[in-house]
Amino acid sequence: MFVNRLAWTTLISLIILVVVGATVRVTGSGLGCPDWPTCWGCLIPPTSVDQIDVDKLDLEKFKRHAIKKGIDPDTITRETVLDSFDPVHTWIEFGNRLTSLPLGISSLLLALFSFTAQRHRVWIILLSWLGLIDVIGNAIMGALVVRSGLQPGIITLHMGLAFLLICMMVSVVFLSRPIGDSANGTKVAPKLKKQLLFLSFIFFAFLFCEGLMGSQLREQTDEFAKVADGLDRDQWADKLGETLIYKVHRSFSWSLLITAGLIFYWVNNKTSLQLREPKLIVAMVVAMMLMGIILAHISVYQVIQVLHVGMTAVLLAVTWHWIMRLYSLHQDGKDC
């Protein structure tokens, strides 16, 4: 039971961190703390430029970042570095780092206490320790994101590792659930179960790919923001709509709606299952498509961007939990 609570804590902490990370991205606060693990050379970030000791900063690092952005490194001086300080961005990024602490602690405790699991011990131990490795790897990746100057490829990989961790934590939550807290008493014909599982895995694969494409689209939004001086955010949508990644991302969303609709139809018309996941999946897909319409045709609202990313993480968790519940159903060879 304690393992189950730790798994839930880790999962919830991860989803919160994804939302906070999205806030960092859409507000352009990714380099609010230009160094790591300190922030502007301090353990506790400064609130004013007067609190910054430039001698503690690596100016060569700022120059390397400038080269990657196509800026003359000779223009980087102590004065220009101090001019780039923004207390709001600094504390948003520092909040992102603080939010990662509960995830790190809970994932470590989960790995240690996984040996006390009563059921599915081997799988719980394996997934818990792989999850801890994922957390450590993503922390290292976060440092690389800062040191690379927000290099796009690393950011997408950062999100991909978070998606994998969500699936691992959902698996531990399911495997460590209390006895009797499942749908194992329900019977589904083997053929129909295989069809539903196949369709559910297809939906999951579509969702995973769509999430990664969304991350790449946000990377393009970040790049566009750097050169969009004078343009309002409601004018960004037209510009972003011209990009190939946006067109693929938009069209691919229909595959999610179609497969989610088929899952919902089959469950409600061909089985006696009374599970909430298919309804939640359809509802969230529709909500995300509505958000996409707002972002594409009205304005690139920051709050909508954050909600879009957060709902993707929740939908991924719900989908993987649905797949595990469906896989665990008893078979009796009879039609439902």
C-alpha atoms as a PDB file:
ATOM      1  CA  MET A   1       0.000   0.000   0.000  1.00  0.00           C
ATOM      2  CA  PHE A   2       2.886   2.368   0.817  1.00  0.00           C
ATOM      3  CA  VAL A   3       4.471   1.598  -2.568  1.00  0.00           C
ATOM      4  CA  ASN A   4       1.193   2.512  -4.261  1.00  0.00           C
ATOM      5  CA  ARG A   5       1.099   5.872  -2.467  1.00  0.00           C
ATOM      6  CA  LEU A   6       4.701   6.592  -3.382  1.00  0.00           C
ATOM      7  CA  ALA A   7       3.945   5.737  -7.017  1.00  0.00           C
ATOM      8  CA  TRP A   8       0.944   8.098  -6.983  1.00  0.00           C
ATOM      9  CA  THR A   9       3.090  10.838  -5.407  1.00  0.00           C
ATOM     10  CA  THR A  10       5.759  10.388  -8.067  1.00  0.00           C
ATOM     11  CA  LEU A  11       3.200  10.422 -10.889  1.00  0.00           C
ATOM     12  CA  ILE A  12       1.422  13.553  -9.623  1.00  0.00           C
ATOM     13  CA  SER A  13       4.753  15.316  -8.991  1.00  0.00           C
ATOM     14  CA  LEU A  14       5.805  14.495 -12.540  1.00  0.00           C
ATOM     15  CA  ILE A  15       2.624  15.866 -14.119  1.00  0.00           C
ATOM     16  CA  ILE A  16       2.936  19.054 -12.028  1.00  0.00           C
ATOM     17  CA  LEU A  17       6.543  19.388 -13.175  1.00  0.00           C
ATOM     18  CA  VAL A  18       5.462  19.006 -16.819  1.00  0.00           C
ATOM     19  CA  VAL A  19       2.947  21.836 -16.341  1.00  0.00           C
ATOM     20  CA  VAL A  20       5.514  24.050 -14.597  1.00  0.00           C
ATOM     21  CA  GLY A  21       8.041  23.241 -17.318  1.00  0.00           C
ATOM     22  CA  ALA A  22       5.503  24.286 -19.948  1.00  0.00           C
ATOM     23  CA  THR A  23       5.053  27.570 -18.068  1.00  0.00           C
ATOM     24  CA  VAL A  24       8.803  28.102 -18.258  1.00  0.00           C
ATOM     25  CA  ARG A  25       8.719  27.507 -21.992  1.00  0.00           C
ATOM     26  CA  VAL A  26       5.797  29.750 -22.918  1.00  0.00           C
ATOM     27  CA  THR A  27       7.042  32.641 -20.768  1.00  0.00           C
ATOM     28  CA  GLY A  28      10.516  32.393 -22.270  1.00  0.00           C
ATOM     29  CA  SER A  29      12.090  31.764 -18.865  1.00  0.00           C
ATOM     30  CA  GLY A  30      14.245  28.817 -19.878  1.00  0.00           C
ATOM     31  CA  LEU A  31      17.436  30.802 -19.337  1.00  0.00           C
ATOM     32  CA  GLY A  32      16.102  32.716 -16.351  1.00  0.00           C
ATOM     33  CA  CYS A  33      18.848  30.910 -14.454  1.00  0.00           C
ATOM     34  CA  PRO A  34      21.774  30.935 -16.900  1.00  0.00           C
ATOM     35  CA  ASP A  35      23.872  28.565 -14.784  1.00  0.00           C
ATOM     36  CA  TRP A  36      23.290  25.213 -13.085  1.00  0.00           C
ATOM     37  CA  PRO A  37      22.985  24.055 -10.304  1.00  0.00           C
ATOM     38  CA  THR A  38      23.292  27.610  -8.977  1.00  0.00           C
ATOM     39  CA  CYS A  39      21.194  30.484 -10.345  1.00  0.00           C
ATOM     40  CA  TRP A  40      23.137  33.622 -11.247  1.00  0.00           C
ATOM     41  CA  GLY A  41      25.910  32.236  -9.063  1.00  0.00           C
ATOM     42  CA  CYS A  42      23.596  31.983  -6.020  1.00  0.00           C
ATOM     43  CA  LEU A  43      21.908  29.124  -4.214  1.00  0.00           C
ATOM     44  CA  ILE A  44      18.875  31.378  -3.737  1.00  0.00           C
ATOM     45  CA  PRO A  45      18.212  33.501  -6.844  1.00  0.00           C
ATOM     46  CA  PRO A  46      18.626  37.272  -6.682  1.00  0.00           C
ATOM     47  CA  THR A  47      15.626  39.569  -6.845  1.00  0.00           C
ATOM     48  CA  SER A  48      17.560  42.564  -8.158  1.00  0.00           C
ATOM     49  CA  VAL A  49      20.600  43.019 -10.358  1.00  0.00           C
ATOM     50  CA  ASP A  50      22.525  44.568  -7.447  1.00  0.00           C
ATOM     51  CA  GLN A  51      22.645  41.156  -5.770  1.00  0.00           C
ATOM     52  CA  ILE A  52      24.538  39.521  -8.648  1.00  0.00           C
ATOM     53  CA  ASP A  53      28.279  38.961  -8.334  1.00  0.00           C
ATOM     54  CA  VAL A  54      29.456  38.919 -11.932  1.00  0.00           C
ATOM     55  CA  ASP A  55      32.791  37.399 -10.892  1.00  0.00           C
ATOM     56  CA  LYS A  56      30.916  34.180 -10.023  1.00  0.00           C
ATOM     57  CA  LEU A  57      29.551  33.906 -13.557  1.00  0.00           C
ATOM     58  CA  ASP A  58      31.286  32.230 -16.474  1.00  0.00           C
ATOM     59  CA  LEU A  59      31.332  34.907 -19.190  1.00  0.00           C
ATOM     60  CA  GLU A  60      32.775  32.409 -21.648  1.00  0.00           C
ATOM     61  CA  LYS A  61      29.571  30.396 -21.317  1.00  0.00           C
ATOM     62  CA  PHE A  62      27.493  33.466 -22.199  1.00  0.00           C
ATOM     63  CA  LYS A  63      29.729  34.020 -25.220  1.00  0.00           C
ATOM     64  CA  ARG A  64      29.260  30.421 -26.367  1.00  0.00           C
ATOM     65  CA  HIS A  65      25.488  30.849 -26.082  1.00  0.00           C
ATOM     66  CA  ALA A  66      25.770  34.056 -28.121  1.00  0.00           C
ATOM     67  CA  ILE A  67      27.628  32.239 -30.908  1.00  0.00           C
ATOM     68  CA  LYS A  68      24.868  29.603 -31.082  1.00  0.00           C
ATOM     69  CA  LYS A  69      22.324  32.408 -31.467  1.00  0.00           C
ATOM     70  CA  GLY A  70      24.354  34.130 -34.181  1.00  0.00           C
ATOM     71  CA  ILE A  71      25.398  36.997 -31.916  1.00  0.00           C
ATOM     72  CA  ASP A  72      28.908  38.453 -31.964  1.00  0.00           C
ATOM     73  CA  PRO A  73      30.545  37.097 -28.775  1.00  0.00           C
ATOM     74  CA  ASP A  74      32.640  40.259 -28.484  1.00  0.00           C
ATOM     75  CA  THR A  75      29.440  42.119 -27.621  1.00  0.00           C
ATOM     76  CA  ILE A  76      29.034  40.034 -24.459  1.00  0.00           C
ATOM     77  CA  THR A  77      30.366  41.978 -21.510  1.00  0.00           C
ATOM     78  CA  ARG A  78      29.633  42.158 -17.806  1.00  0.00           C
ATOM     79  CA  GLU A  79      27.236  45.007 -18.508  1.00  0.00           C
ATOM     80  CA  THR A  80      25.268  43.165 -21.202  1.00  0.00           C
ATOM     81  CA  VAL A  81      25.054  40.070 -19.011  1.00  0.00           C
ATOM     82  CA  LEU A  82      23.580  42.100 -16.165  1.00  0.00           C
ATOM     83  CA  ASP A  83      21.174  43.780 -18.594  1.00  0.00           C
ATOM     84  CA  SER A  84      19.783  40.330 -19.492  1.00  0.00           C
ATOM     85  CA  PHE A  85      18.703  39.703 -15.887  1.00  0.00           C
ATOM     86  CA  ASP A  86      14.926  39.472 -15.463  1.00  0.00           C
ATOM     87  CA  PRO A  87      13.729  38.663 -11.908  1.00  0.00           C
ATOM     88  CA  VAL A  88      10.382  37.260 -13.127  1.00  0.00           C
ATOM     89  CA  HIS A  89      12.015  34.818 -15.541  1.00  0.00           C
ATOM     90  CA  THR A  90      14.626  33.939 -12.950  1.00  0.00           C
ATOM     91  CA  TRP A  91      12.102  32.961 -10.315  1.00  0.00           C
ATOM     92  CA  ILE A  92       9.886  31.092 -12.774  1.00  0.00           C
ATOM     93  CA  GLU A  93      12.851  28.944 -13.792  1.00  0.00           C
ATOM     94  CA  PHE A  94      13.931  28.553 -10.169  1.00  0.00           C
ATOM     95  CA  GLY A  95      10.382  27.440  -9.323  1.00  0.00           C
ATOM     96  CA  ASN A  96      10.761  24.792 -12.018  1.00  0.00           C
ATOM     97  CA  ARG A  97      13.893  23.519 -10.316  1.00  0.00           C
ATOM     98  CA  LEU A  98      12.181  23.501  -6.905  1.00  0.00           C
ATOM     99  CA  THR A  99       9.238  21.555  -8.345  1.00  0.00           C
ATOM    100  CA  SER A 100      11.640  18.835  -9.413  1.00  0.00           C
ATOM    101  CA  LEU A 101      12.653  18.148  -5.797  1.00  0.00           C
ATOM    102  CA  PRO A 102       9.443  16.269  -4.791  1.00  0.00           C
ATOM    103  CA  LEU A 103       9.784  14.160  -7.933  1.00  0.00           C
ATOM    104  CA  GLY A 104      13.378  13.280  -7.158  1.00  0.00           C
ATOM    105  CA  ILE A 105      12.679  12.425  -3.512  1.00  0.00           C
ATOM    106  CA  SER A 106       9.550  10.364  -4.207  1.00  0.00           C
ATOM    107  CA  SER A 107      11.174   8.441  -7.069  1.00  0.00           C
ATOM    108  CA  LEU A 108      14.155   7.609  -4.845  1.00  0.00           C
ATOM    109  CA  LEU A 109      11.903   6.430  -2.008  1.00  0.00           C
ATOM    110  CA  LEU A 110       9.820   4.413  -4.469  1.00  0.00           C
ATOM    111  CA  ALA A 111      12.913   2.629  -5.741  1.00  0.00           C
ATOM    112  CA  LEU A 112      14.073   1.844  -2.202  1.00  0.00           C
ATOM    113  CA  PHE A 113      10.685   0.648  -0.954  1.00  0.00           C
ATOM    114  CA  SER A 114       9.885  -1.282  -4.135  1.00  0.00           C
ATOM    115  CA  PHE A 115      11.447  -4.350  -2.504  1.00  0.00           C
ATOM    116  CA  THR A 116       8.572  -4.365   0.010  1.00  0.00           C
ATOM    117  CA  ALA A 117       5.914  -4.861  -2.669  1.00  0.00           C
ATOM    118  CA  GLN A 118       3.631  -7.801  -1.947  1.00  0.00           C
ATOM    119  CA  ARG A 119       2.506  -8.509  -5.515  1.00  0.00           C
ATOM    120  CA  HIS A 120       4.244  -8.179  -8.899  1.00  0.00           C
ATOM    121  CA  ARG A 121       7.448  -7.499  -6.965  1.00  0.00           C
ATOM    122  CA  VAL A 122       9.851  -8.127  -9.854  1.00  0.00           C
ATOM    123  CA  TRP A 123       8.016  -5.775 -12.195  1.00  0.00           C
ATOM    124  CA  ILE A 124       7.575  -3.088  -9.528  1.00  0.00           C
ATOM    125  CA  ILE A 125      11.269  -3.213  -8.611  1.00  0.00           C
ATOM    126  CA  LEU A 126      12.312  -3.061 -12.273  1.00  0.00           C
ATOM    127  CA  LEU A 127       9.981  -0.194 -13.182  1.00  0.00           C
ATOM    128  CA  SER A 128      10.762   1.768 -10.012  1.00  0.00           C
ATOM    129  CA  TRP A 129      14.503   1.646 -10.571  1.00  0.00           C
ATOM    130  CA  LEU A 130      14.146   2.395 -14.277  1.00  0.00           C
ATOM    131  CA  GLY A 131      11.989   5.345 -13.235  1.00  0.00           C
ATOM    132  CA  LEU A 132      14.715   6.582 -10.899  1.00  0.00           C
ATOM    133  CA  ILE A 133      17.263   6.290 -13.715  1.00  0.00           C
ATOM    134  CA  ASP A 134      14.873   8.240 -15.958  1.00  0.00           C
ATOM    135  CA  VAL A 135      14.546  10.996 -13.322  1.00  0.00           C
ATOM    136  CA  ILE A 136      18.324  11.248 -12.956  1.00  0.00           C
ATOM    137  CA  GLY A 137      18.768  11.237 -16.727  1.00  0.00           C
ATOM    138  CA  ASN A 138      16.154  13.941 -17.159  1.00  0.00           C
ATOM    139  CA  ALA A 139      17.836  16.046 -14.466  1.00  0.00           C
ATOM    140  CA  ILE A 140      21.089  15.779 -16.388  1.00  0.00           C
ATOM    141  CA  MET A 141      19.162  16.588 -19.556  1.00  0.00           C
ATOM    142  CA  GLY A 142      17.753  19.678 -17.834  1.00  0.00           C
ATOM    143  CA  ALA A 143      21.266  20.860 -17.117  1.00  0.00           C
ATOM    144  CA  LEU A 144      22.191  20.256 -20.757  1.00  0.00           C
ATOM    145  CA  VAL A 145      19.142  22.276 -21.833  1.00  0.00           C
ATOM    146  CA  VAL A 146      20.508  25.261 -19.903  1.00  0.00           C
ATOM    147  CA  ARG A 147      24.087  24.750 -21.023  1.00  0.00           C
ATOM    148  CA  SER A 148      23.087  24.271 -24.659  1.00  0.00           C
ATOM    149  CA  GLY A 149      21.166  27.545 -24.721  1.00  0.00           C
ATOM    150  CA  LEU A 150      17.824  25.732 -25.167  1.00  0.00           C
ATOM    151  CA  GLN A 151      18.983  23.632 -28.114  1.00  0.00           C
ATOM    152  CA  PRO A 152      15.771  22.284 -29.743  1.00  0.00           C
ATOM    153  CA  GLY A 153      16.696  18.602 -30.061  1.00  0.00           C
ATOM    154  CA  ILE A 154      17.577  18.304 -26.385  1.00  0.00           C
ATOM    155  CA  ILE A 155      14.271  19.918 -25.371  1.00  0.00           C
ATOM    156  CA  THR A 156      12.242  17.331 -27.326  1.00  0.00           C
ATOM    157  CA  LEU A 157      14.294  14.495 -25.848  1.00  0.00           C
ATOM    158  CA  HIS A 158      13.665  16.036 -22.408  1.00  0.00           C
ATOM    159  CA  MET A 159       9.905  15.784 -23.033  1.00  0.00           C
ATOM    160  CA  GLY A 160      10.182  12.258 -24.438  1.00  0.00           C
ATOM    161  CA  LEU A 161      11.869  11.024 -21.250  1.00  0.00           C
ATOM    162  CA  ALA A 162       9.083  12.616 -19.209  1.00  0.00           C
ATOM    163  CA  PHE A 163       6.476  10.752 -21.282  1.00  0.00           C
ATOM    164  CA  LEU A 164       8.277   7.447 -20.695  1.00  0.00           C
ATOM    165  CA  LEU A 165       8.422   8.141 -16.966  1.00  0.00           C
ATOM    166  CA  ILE A 166       4.672   8.778 -16.894  1.00  0.00           C
ATOM    167  CA  CYS A 167       4.063   5.330 -18.386  1.00  0.00           C
ATOM    168  CA  MET A 168       6.406   3.666 -15.908  1.00  0.00           C
ATOM    169  CA  MET A 169       4.787   5.345 -12.910  1.00  0.00           C
ATOM    170  CA  VAL A 170       1.277   4.517 -14.119  1.00  0.00           C
ATOM    171  CA  SER A 171       2.418   0.887 -14.429  1.00  0.00           C
ATOM    172  CA  VAL A 172       3.677   0.871 -10.831  1.00  0.00           C
ATOM    173  CA  VAL A 173       0.450   2.520  -9.635  1.00  0.00           C
ATOM    174  CA  PHE A 174      -1.583  -0.181 -11.361  1.00  0.00           C
ATOM    175  CA  LEU A 175       0.549  -3.136 -10.300  1.00  0.00           C
ATOM    176  CA  SER A 176       0.698  -2.014  -6.669  1.00  0.00           C
ATOM    177  CA  ARG A 177      -3.029  -1.252  -6.404  1.00  0.00           C
ATOM    178  CA  PRO A 178      -4.942  -2.728  -3.434  1.00  0.00           C
ATOM    179  CA  ILE A 179      -6.382  -6.213  -3.959  1.00  0.00           C
ATOM    180  CA  GLY A 180      -9.894  -6.017  -5.376  1.00  0.00           C
ATOM    181  CA  ASP A 181      -9.372  -2.519  -6.801  1.00  0.00           C
ATOM    182  CA  SER A 182      -9.584  -3.564 -10.449  1.00  0.00           C
ATOM    183  CA  ALA A 183     -11.906  -4.676 -13.195  1.00  0.00           C
ATOM    184  CA  ASN A 184     -10.614  -8.242 -13.185  1.00  0.00           C
ATOM    185  CA  GLY A 185     -14.061  -9.619 -12.442  1.00  0.00           C
ATOM    186  CA  THR A 186     -15.304  -8.484 -15.836  1.00  0.00           C
ATOM    187  CA  LYS A 187     -15.001 -10.890 -18.749  1.00  0.00           C
ATOM    188  CA  VAL A 188     -14.200  -9.934 -22.321  1.00  0.00           C
ATOM    189  CA  ALA A 189     -14.058 -12.246 -25.306  1.00  0.00           C
ATOM    190  CA  PRO A 190     -10.424 -12.920 -26.286  1.00  0.00           C
ATOM    191  CA  LYS A 191     -10.885 -11.752 -29.883  1.00  0.00           C
ATOM    192  CA  LEU A 192     -12.555  -8.510 -28.864  1.00  0.00           C
ATOM    193  CA  LYS A 193      -9.971  -7.934 -26.167  1.00  0.00           C
ATOM    194  CA  LYS A 194      -7.170  -8.261 -28.728  1.00  0.00           C
ATOM    195  CA  GLN A 195      -8.930  -5.839 -31.066  1.00  0.00           C
ATOM    196  CA  LEU A 196      -9.418  -3.289 -28.289  1.00  0.00           C
ATOM    197  CA  LEU A 197      -5.820  -3.673 -27.155  1.00  0.00           C
ATOM    198  CA  PHE A 198      -4.536  -3.225 -30.700  1.00  0.00           C
ATOM    199  CA  LEU A 199      -6.660  -0.120 -31.215  1.00  0.00           C
ATOM    200  CA  SER A 200      -5.628   1.261 -27.819  1.00  0.00           C
ATOM    201  CA  PHE A 201      -1.932   0.757 -28.569  1.00  0.00           C
ATOM    202  CA  ILE A 202      -2.432   2.514 -31.923  1.00  0.00           C
ATOM    203  CA  PHE A 203      -4.036   5.443 -30.099  1.00  0.00           C
ATOM    204  CA  PHE A 204      -1.201   5.505 -27.569  1.00  0.00           C
ATOM    205  CA  ALA A 205       1.424   5.541 -30.349  1.00  0.00           C
ATOM    206  CA  PHE A 206      -0.415   8.368 -32.116  1.00  0.00           C
ATOM    207  CA  LEU A 207      -0.628  10.312 -28.856  1.00  0.00           C
ATOM    208  CA  PHE A 208       3.065   9.828 -28.064  1.00  0.00           C
ATOM    209  CA  CYS A 209       4.068  11.023 -31.540  1.00  0.00           C
ATOM    210  CA  GLU A 210       1.624  13.922 -31.378  1.00  0.00           C
ATOM    211  CA  GLY A 211       3.112  14.973 -28.035  1.00  0.00           C
ATOM    212  CA  LEU A 212       6.630  14.979 -29.446  1.00  0.00           C
ATOM    213  CA  MET A 213       5.497  16.937 -32.504  1.00  0.00           C
ATOM    214  CA  GLY A 214       3.809  19.387 -30.159  1.00  0.00           C
ATOM    215  CA  SER A 215       7.126  19.829 -28.367  1.00  0.00           C
ATOM    216  CA  GLN A 216       8.836  20.523 -31.682  1.00  0.00           C
ATOM    217  CA  LEU A 217       6.102  23.028 -32.545  1.00  0.00           C
ATOM    218  CA  ARG A 218       6.676  24.799 -29.235  1.00  0.00           C
ATOM    219  CA  GLU A 219      10.366  24.917 -30.098  1.00  0.00           C
ATOM    220  CA  GLN A 220       9.457  26.738 -33.301  1.00  0.00           C
ATOM    221  CA  THR A 221       7.240  29.039 -31.250  1.00  0.00           C
ATOM    222  CA  ASP A 222      10.250  29.809 -29.053  1.00  0.00           C
ATOM    223  CA  GLU A 223      12.376  30.573 -32.095  1.00  0.00           C
ATOM    224  CA  PHE A 224       9.626  32.703 -33.604  1.00  0.00           C
ATOM    225  CA  ALA A 225       9.259  34.657 -30.358  1.00  0.00           C
ATOM    226  CA  LYS A 226      12.875  35.777 -30.654  1.00  0.00           C
ATOM    227  CA  VAL A 227      12.234  37.469 -34.002  1.00  0.00           C
ATOM    228  CA  ALA A 228       8.601  38.485 -33.555  1.00  0.00           C
ATOM    229  CA  ASP A 229       9.331  41.965 -32.272  1.00  0.00           C
ATOM    230  CA  GLY A 230       6.360  44.235 -32.838  1.00  0.00           C
ATOM    231  CA  LEU A 231       3.904  41.420 -33.510  1.00  0.00           C
ATOM    232  CA  ASP A 232       1.094  40.602 -31.102  1.00  0.00           C
ATOM    233  CA  ARG A 233       0.637  36.983 -30.045  1.00  0.00           C
ATOM    234  CA  ASP A 234      -2.633  36.826 -32.004  1.00  0.00           C
ATOM    235  CA  GLN A 235      -0.557  37.421 -35.144  1.00  0.00           C
ATOM    236  CA  TRP A 236       1.768  34.530 -34.366  1.00  0.00           C
ATOM    237  CA  ALA A 237      -0.863  31.943 -35.278  1.00  0.00           C
ATOM    238  CA  ASP A 238      -0.821  32.890 -38.958  1.00  0.00           C
ATOM    239  CA  LYS A 239       2.953  32.687 -39.094  1.00  0.00           C
ATOM    240  CA  LEU A 240       3.129  29.369 -37.265  1.00  0.00           C
ATOM    241  CA  GLY A 241       0.352  27.983 -39.486  1.00  0.00           C
ATOM    242  CA  GLU A 242       2.724  28.216 -42.429  1.00  0.00           C
ATOM    243  CA  THR A 243       5.218  25.755 -40.920  1.00  0.00           C
ATOM    244  CA  LEU A 244       5.294  22.092 -41.946  1.00  0.00           C
ATOM    245  CA  ILE A 245       5.383  20.770 -38.366  1.00  0.00           C
ATOM    246  CA  TYR A 246       2.194  22.678 -37.561  1.00  0.00           C
ATOM    247  CA  LYS A 247       0.362  21.265 -40.592  1.00  0.00           C
ATOM    248  CA  VAL A 248       1.384  17.703 -39.708  1.00  0.00           C
ATOM    249  CA  HIS A 249       0.543  18.232 -36.023  1.00  0.00           C
ATOM    250  CA  ARG A 250      -2.901  19.619 -36.908  1.00  0.00           C
ATOM    251  CA  SER A 251      -3.783  16.859 -39.369  1.00  0.00           C
ATOM    252  CA  PHE A 252      -2.443  14.126 -37.092  1.00  0.00           C
ATOM    253  CA  SER A 253      -4.868  15.179 -34.349  1.00  0.00           C
ATOM    254  CA  TRP A 254      -7.751  13.715 -36.378  1.00  0.00           C
ATOM    255  CA  SER A 255      -6.187  10.265 -36.065  1.00  0.00           C
ATOM    256  CA  LEU A 256      -6.455  10.655 -32.275  1.00  0.00           C
ATOM    257  CA  LEU A 257     -10.123  11.628 -32.476  1.00  0.00           C
ATOM    258  CA  ILE A 258     -10.996   8.753 -34.810  1.00  0.00           C
ATOM    259  CA  THR A 259      -9.206   6.040 -32.799  1.00  0.00           C
ATOM    260  CA  ALA A 260     -10.531   7.422 -29.482  1.00  0.00           C
ATOM    261  CA  GLY A 261     -14.049   7.409 -30.940  1.00  0.00           C
ATOM    262  CA  LEU A 262     -13.667   3.804 -32.090  1.00  0.00           C
ATOM    263  CA  ILE A 263     -12.460   2.718 -28.639  1.00  0.00           C
ATOM    264  CA  PHE A 264     -15.421   4.439 -26.999  1.00  0.00           C
ATOM    265  CA  TYR A 265     -17.876   2.915 -29.510  1.00  0.00           C
ATOM    266  CA  TRP A 266     -16.559  -0.634 -29.138  1.00  0.00           C
ATOM    267  CA  VAL A 267     -16.493  -0.490 -25.340  1.00  0.00           C
ATOM    268  CA  ASN A 268     -20.042   0.849 -25.096  1.00  0.00           C
ATOM    269  CA  ASN A 269     -21.622  -1.249 -27.835  1.00  0.00           C
ATOM    270  CA  LYS A 270     -19.714  -4.524 -27.818  1.00  0.00           C
ATOM    271  CA  THR A 271     -18.847  -5.050 -24.144  1.00  0.00           C
ATOM    272  CA  SER A 272     -20.398  -4.715 -20.711  1.00  0.00           C
ATOM    273  CA  LEU A 273     -17.401  -2.790 -19.375  1.00  0.00           C
ATOM    274  CA  GLN A 274     -18.222   0.107 -17.079  1.00  0.00           C
ATOM    275  CA  LEU A 275     -14.845   1.849 -17.100  1.00  0.00           C
ATOM    276  CA  ARG A 276     -14.264   5.589 -17.084  1.00  0.00           C
ATOM    277  CA  GLU A 277     -11.104   5.699 -19.180  1.00  0.00           C
ATOM    278  CA  PRO A 278     -12.701   5.563 -22.685  1.00  0.00           C
ATOM    279  CA  LYS A 279     -15.021   8.471 -21.798  1.00  0.00           C
ATOM    280  CA  LEU A 280     -12.138  10.496 -20.365  1.00  0.00           C
ATOM    281  CA  ILE A 281      -9.986   9.792 -23.410  1.00  0.00           C
ATOM    282  CA  VAL A 282     -12.614  11.065 -25.855  1.00  0.00           C
ATOM    283  CA  ALA A 283     -13.414  14.100 -23.683  1.00  0.00           C
ATOM    284  CA  MET A 284      -9.755  15.110 -23.387  1.00  0.00           C
ATOM    285  CA  VAL A 285      -9.053  14.620 -27.088  1.00  0.00           C
ATOM    286  CA  VAL A 286     -11.992  16.903 -27.942  1.00  0.00           C
ATOM    287  CA  ALA A 287     -10.831  19.475 -25.363  1.00  0.00           C
ATOM    288  CA  MET A 288      -7.290  19.435 -26.752  1.00  0.00           C
ATOM    289  CA  MET A 289      -8.550  19.878 -30.320  1.00  0.00           C
ATOM    290  CA  LEU A 290     -10.596  22.884 -29.180  1.00  0.00           C
ATOM    291  CA  MET A 291      -7.487  24.330 -27.569  1.00  0.00           C
ATOM    292  CA  GLY A 292      -5.620  23.746 -30.807  1.00  0.00           C
ATOM    293  CA  ILE A 293      -8.296  25.655 -32.727  1.00  0.00           C
ATOM    294  CA  ILE A 294      -7.965  28.590 -30.334  1.00  0.00           C
ATOM    295  CA  LEU A 295      -4.175  28.597 -30.683  1.00  0.00           C
ATOM    296  CA  ALA A 296      -4.350  28.300 -34.471  1.00  0.00           C
ATOM    297  CA  HIS A 297      -7.169  30.706 -35.311  1.00  0.00           C
ATOM    298  CA  ILE A 298      -7.504  33.166 -32.440  1.00  0.00           C
ATOM    299  CA  SER A 299      -4.249  33.724 -30.561  1.00  0.00           C
ATOM    300  CA  VAL A 300      -1.279  31.878 -29.094  1.00  0.00           C
ATOM    301  CA  TYR A 301      -2.463  32.364 -25.519  1.00  0.00           C
ATOM    302  CA  GLN A 302       0.137  31.321 -22.965  1.00  0.00           C
ATOM    303  CA  VAL A 303      -2.419  29.805 -20.572  1.00  0.00           C
ATOM    304  CA  ILE A 304      -3.867  27.666 -23.390  1.00  0.00           C
ATOM    305  CA  GLN A 305      -0.389  26.471 -24.315  1.00  0.00           C
ATOM    306  CA  VAL A 306       0.270  25.381 -20.732  1.00  0.00           C
ATOM    307  CA  LEU A 307      -3.124  23.650 -20.433  1.00  0.00           C
ATOM    308  CA  HIS A 308      -2.515  21.898 -23.758  1.00  0.00           C
ATOM    309  CA  VAL A 309       0.782  20.438 -22.551  1.00  0.00           C
ATOM    310  CA  GLY A 310      -0.620  19.503 -19.140  1.00  0.00           C
ATOM    311  CA  MET A 311      -3.609  17.728 -20.649  1.00  0.00           C
ATOM    312  CA  THR A 312      -1.318  15.784 -22.971  1.00  0.00           C
ATOM    313  CA  ALA A 313       0.526  14.422 -19.925  1.00  0.00           C
ATOM    314  CA  VAL A 314      -2.740  13.502 -18.168  1.00  0.00           C
ATOM    315  CA  LEU A 315      -4.154  11.901 -21.328  1.00  0.00           C
ATOM    316  CA  LEU A 316      -0.999   9.836 -21.721  1.00  0.00           C
ATOM    317  CA  ALA A 317      -1.376   8.589 -18.138  1.00  0.00           C
ATOM    318  CA  VAL A 318      -5.076   7.775 -18.564  1.00  0.00           C
ATOM    319  CA  THR A 319      -4.439   5.953 -21.846  1.00  0.00           C
ATOM    320  CA  TRP A 320      -1.658   3.792 -20.437  1.00  0.00           C
ATOM    321  CA  HIS A 321      -3.775   2.983 -17.363  1.00  0.00           C
ATOM    322  CA  TRP A 322      -6.627   1.970 -19.681  1.00  0.00           C
ATOM    323  CA  ILE A 323      -4.318  -0.338 -21.633  1.00  0.00           C
ATOM    324  CA  MET A 324      -3.135  -2.014 -18.437  1.00  0.00           C
ATOM    325  CA  ARG A 325      -6.679  -2.476 -17.118  1.00  0.00           C
ATOM    326  CA  LEU A 326      -7.838  -3.860 -20.447  1.00  0.00           C
ATOM    327  CA  TYR A 327      -4.910  -6.266 -20.601  1.00  0.00           C
ATOM    328  CA  SER A 328      -5.660  -7.524 -17.077  1.00  0.00           C
ATOM    329  CA  LEU A 329      -9.291  -8.466 -17.788  1.00  0.00           C
ATOM    330  CA  HIS A 330     -10.170 -12.137 -17.426  1.00  0.00           C
ATOM    331  CA  GLN A 331     -10.980 -14.107 -20.557  1.00  0.00           C
ATOM    332  CA  ASP A 332     -13.725 -16.666 -20.857  1.00  0.00           C
ATOM    333  CA  GLY A 333     -14.042 -17.089 -24.587  1.00  0.00           C
ATOM    334  CA  LYS A 334     -17.623 -15.783 -24.643  1.00  0.00           C
ATOM    335  CA  ASP A 335     -19.041 -12.712 -26.239  1.00  0.00           C
ATOM    336  CA  CYS A 336     -19.921  -9.845 -23.954  1.00  0.00           C
END
